Amino acid sequence: MSRGPRRTSEELRSYRWLGPDDLRSFGHRSRQKQLGLNAEEYEGKRVVGILNTWNGFNSCHAHFRERAEEIKRGVWQAGGYPVEVPVMSASKPS
């Protein structure tokens, strides 16, 4: 499967959030620094969202906490910037 030509850093959606020299991007970059990240860790990289339904109530999703960490490690190794996003998990009461 061909993905076409590789995009430059400026063509990535993440550049619109972090790259421009404006107040909005300044806010996004400052929050990355609050997380303890250096600019080299996210500048020019693809941002990969990891949706995680892990929670303490749904035992079926107990392994997702560890799985998300493994996925993040793989994204870092592939040259991306992983961002984990919590999402609601539907579970039925026992």
C-alpha atoms as a PDB file:
ATOM      1  CA  MET A   1       0.000   0.000   0.000  1.00  0.00           C
ATOM      2  CA  SER A   2       1.510   3.303  -1.087  1.00  0.00           C
ATOM      3  CA  ARG A   3       1.072   6.305   1.179  1.00  0.00           C
ATOM      4  CA  GLY A   4       2.247   8.814  -1.394  1.00  0.00           C
ATOM      5  CA  PRO A   5       5.026  11.347  -0.898  1.00  0.00           C
ATOM      6  CA  ARG A   6       6.235  11.916   2.645  1.00  0.00           C
ATOM      7  CA  ARG A   7       5.077  15.214   4.107  1.00  0.00           C
ATOM      8  CA  THR A   8       7.469  17.853   5.365  1.00  0.00           C
ATOM      9  CA  SER A   9       7.292  18.973   9.008  1.00  0.00           C
ATOM     10  CA  GLU A  10       5.421  22.131   8.012  1.00  0.00           C
ATOM     11  CA  GLU A  11       2.700  20.066   6.298  1.00  0.00           C
ATOM     12  CA  LEU A  12       1.873  18.056   9.421  1.00  0.00           C
ATOM     13  CA  ARG A  13      -1.218  18.926  11.479  1.00  0.00           C
ATOM     14  CA  SER A  14       0.995  19.001  14.570  1.00  0.00           C
ATOM     15  CA  TYR A  15       2.962  21.891  13.028  1.00  0.00           C
ATOM     16  CA  ARG A  16      -0.189  24.016  13.040  1.00  0.00           C
ATOM     17  CA  TRP A  17      -0.387  23.439  16.807  1.00  0.00           C
ATOM     18  CA  LEU A  18       3.259  23.716  17.791  1.00  0.00           C
ATOM     19  CA  GLY A  19       5.195  25.336  14.947  1.00  0.00           C
ATOM     20  CA  PRO A  20       3.946  28.847  14.158  1.00  0.00           C
ATOM     21  CA  ASP A  21       5.367  31.841  16.001  1.00  0.00           C
ATOM     22  CA  ASP A  22       2.044  32.993  17.435  1.00  0.00           C
ATOM     23  CA  LEU A  23       0.325  33.162  20.813  1.00  0.00           C
ATOM     24  CA  ARG A  24      -1.758  30.008  20.325  1.00  0.00           C
ATOM     25  CA  SER A  25       1.263  27.855  19.468  1.00  0.00           C
ATOM     26  CA  PHE A  26       3.190  29.456  22.316  1.00  0.00           C
ATOM     27  CA  GLY A  27       0.490  28.166  24.677  1.00  0.00           C
ATOM     28  CA  HIS A  28       0.717  24.656  23.225  1.00  0.00           C
ATOM     29  CA  ARG A  29       4.513  24.629  23.464  1.00  0.00           C
ATOM     30  CA  SER A  30       4.454  25.933  27.037  1.00  0.00           C
ATOM     31  CA  ARG A  31       2.153  23.081  28.089  1.00  0.00           C
ATOM     32  CA  GLN A  32       4.574  20.578  26.550  1.00  0.00           C
ATOM     33  CA  LYS A  33       7.354  22.126  28.618  1.00  0.00           C
ATOM     34  CA  GLN A  34       5.168  21.883  31.740  1.00  0.00           C
ATOM     35  CA  LEU A  35       5.068  18.139  31.095  1.00  0.00           C
ATOM     36  CA  GLY A  36       8.876  18.124  31.211  1.00  0.00           C
ATOM     37  CA  LEU A  37       9.421  17.736  27.452  1.00  0.00           C
ATOM     38  CA  ASN A  38      12.134  19.465  25.460  1.00  0.00           C
ATOM     39  CA  ALA A  39      11.325  20.947  22.051  1.00  0.00           C
ATOM     40  CA  GLU A  40      13.495  18.275  20.375  1.00  0.00           C
ATOM     41  CA  GLU A  41      11.077  15.628  21.638  1.00  0.00           C
ATOM     42  CA  TYR A  42       8.105  16.950  19.640  1.00  0.00           C
ATOM     43  CA  GLU A  43       9.268  19.485  17.019  1.00  0.00           C
ATOM     44  CA  GLY A  44       8.843  18.193  13.478  1.00  0.00           C
ATOM     45  CA  LYS A  45       7.379  14.879  14.615  1.00  0.00           C
ATOM     46  CA  ARG A  46       4.032  13.306  13.858  1.00  0.00           C
ATOM     47  CA  VAL A  47       1.709  13.449  16.840  1.00  0.00           C
ATOM     48  CA  VAL A  48       0.074  10.047  17.356  1.00  0.00           C
ATOM     49  CA  GLY A  49      -3.029   9.956  19.547  1.00  0.00           C
ATOM     50  CA  ILE A  50      -3.534   6.825  21.651  1.00  0.00           C
ATOM     51  CA  LEU A  51      -7.098   6.514  22.935  1.00  0.00           C
ATOM     52  CA  ASN A  52      -7.147   4.555  26.189  1.00  0.00           C
ATOM     53  CA  THR A  53     -10.280   3.200  27.885  1.00  0.00           C
ATOM     54  CA  TRP A  54      -8.414   1.903  30.941  1.00  0.00           C
ATOM     55  CA  ASN A  55     -10.128   2.581  34.254  1.00  0.00           C
ATOM     56  CA  GLY A  56     -10.397   1.037  37.692  1.00  0.00           C
ATOM     57  CA  PHE A  57     -13.981  -0.162  37.230  1.00  0.00           C
ATOM     58  CA  ASN A  58     -13.851  -2.239  34.076  1.00  0.00           C
ATOM     59  CA  SER A  59     -11.726  -5.318  34.652  1.00  0.00           C
ATOM     60  CA  CYS A  60     -11.876  -6.217  30.946  1.00  0.00           C
ATOM     61  CA  HIS A  61      -9.741  -3.140  30.243  1.00  0.00           C
ATOM     62  CA  ALA A  62      -7.214  -3.696  33.042  1.00  0.00           C
ATOM     63  CA  HIS A  63      -4.403  -4.532  30.623  1.00  0.00           C
ATOM     64  CA  PHE A  64      -4.867  -1.332  28.565  1.00  0.00           C
ATOM     65  CA  ARG A  65      -2.729   0.751  30.936  1.00  0.00           C
ATOM     66  CA  GLU A  66       0.318  -1.408  30.198  1.00  0.00           C
ATOM     67  CA  ARG A  67      -0.586  -1.797  26.519  1.00  0.00           C
ATOM     68  CA  ALA A  68      -0.757   1.996  26.054  1.00  0.00           C
ATOM     69  CA  GLU A  69       2.755   2.322  27.502  1.00  0.00           C
ATOM     70  CA  GLU A  70       4.030  -0.292  25.050  1.00  0.00           C
ATOM     71  CA  ILE A  71       2.393   1.525  22.147  1.00  0.00           C
ATOM     72  CA  LYS A  72       3.868   4.859  23.255  1.00  0.00           C
ATOM     73  CA  ARG A  73       7.319   3.281  23.379  1.00  0.00           C
ATOM     74  CA  GLY A  74       6.834   2.041  19.806  1.00  0.00           C
ATOM     75  CA  VAL A  75       5.718   5.481  18.611  1.00  0.00           C
ATOM     76  CA  TRP A  76       8.825   7.072  20.181  1.00  0.00           C
ATOM     77  CA  GLN A  77      11.027   4.437  18.528  1.00  0.00           C
ATOM     78  CA  ALA A  78       9.400   5.105  15.143  1.00  0.00           C
ATOM     79  CA  GLY A  79      10.184   8.826  15.456  1.00  0.00           C
ATOM     80  CA  GLY A  80       6.723  10.036  16.453  1.00  0.00           C
ATOM     81  CA  TYR A  81       5.335  11.895  19.434  1.00  0.00           C
ATOM     82  CA  PRO A  82       2.704   9.838  21.335  1.00  0.00           C
ATOM     83  CA  VAL A  83      -0.133  11.513  23.203  1.00  0.00           C
ATOM     84  CA  GLU A  84      -2.389   9.348  25.359  1.00  0.00           C
ATOM     85  CA  VAL A  85      -6.000  10.474  25.566  1.00  0.00           C
ATOM     86  CA  PRO A  86      -8.378   8.958  28.134  1.00  0.00           C
ATOM     87  CA  VAL A  87     -11.803   8.010  26.795  1.00  0.00           C
ATOM     88  CA  MET A  88     -14.868   6.662  28.530  1.00  0.00           C
ATOM     89  CA  SER A  89     -15.296   2.927  28.739  1.00  0.00           C
ATOM     90  CA  ALA A  90     -18.749   1.401  28.696  1.00  0.00           C
ATOM     91  CA  SER A  91     -19.208  -1.444  31.124  1.00  0.00           C
ATOM     92  CA  LYS A  92     -22.205  -3.220  32.529  1.00  0.00           C
ATOM     93  CA  PRO A  93     -22.660  -3.503  36.297  1.00  0.00           C
ATOM     94  CA  SER A  94     -22.212  -6.940  37.846  1.00  0.00           C
END
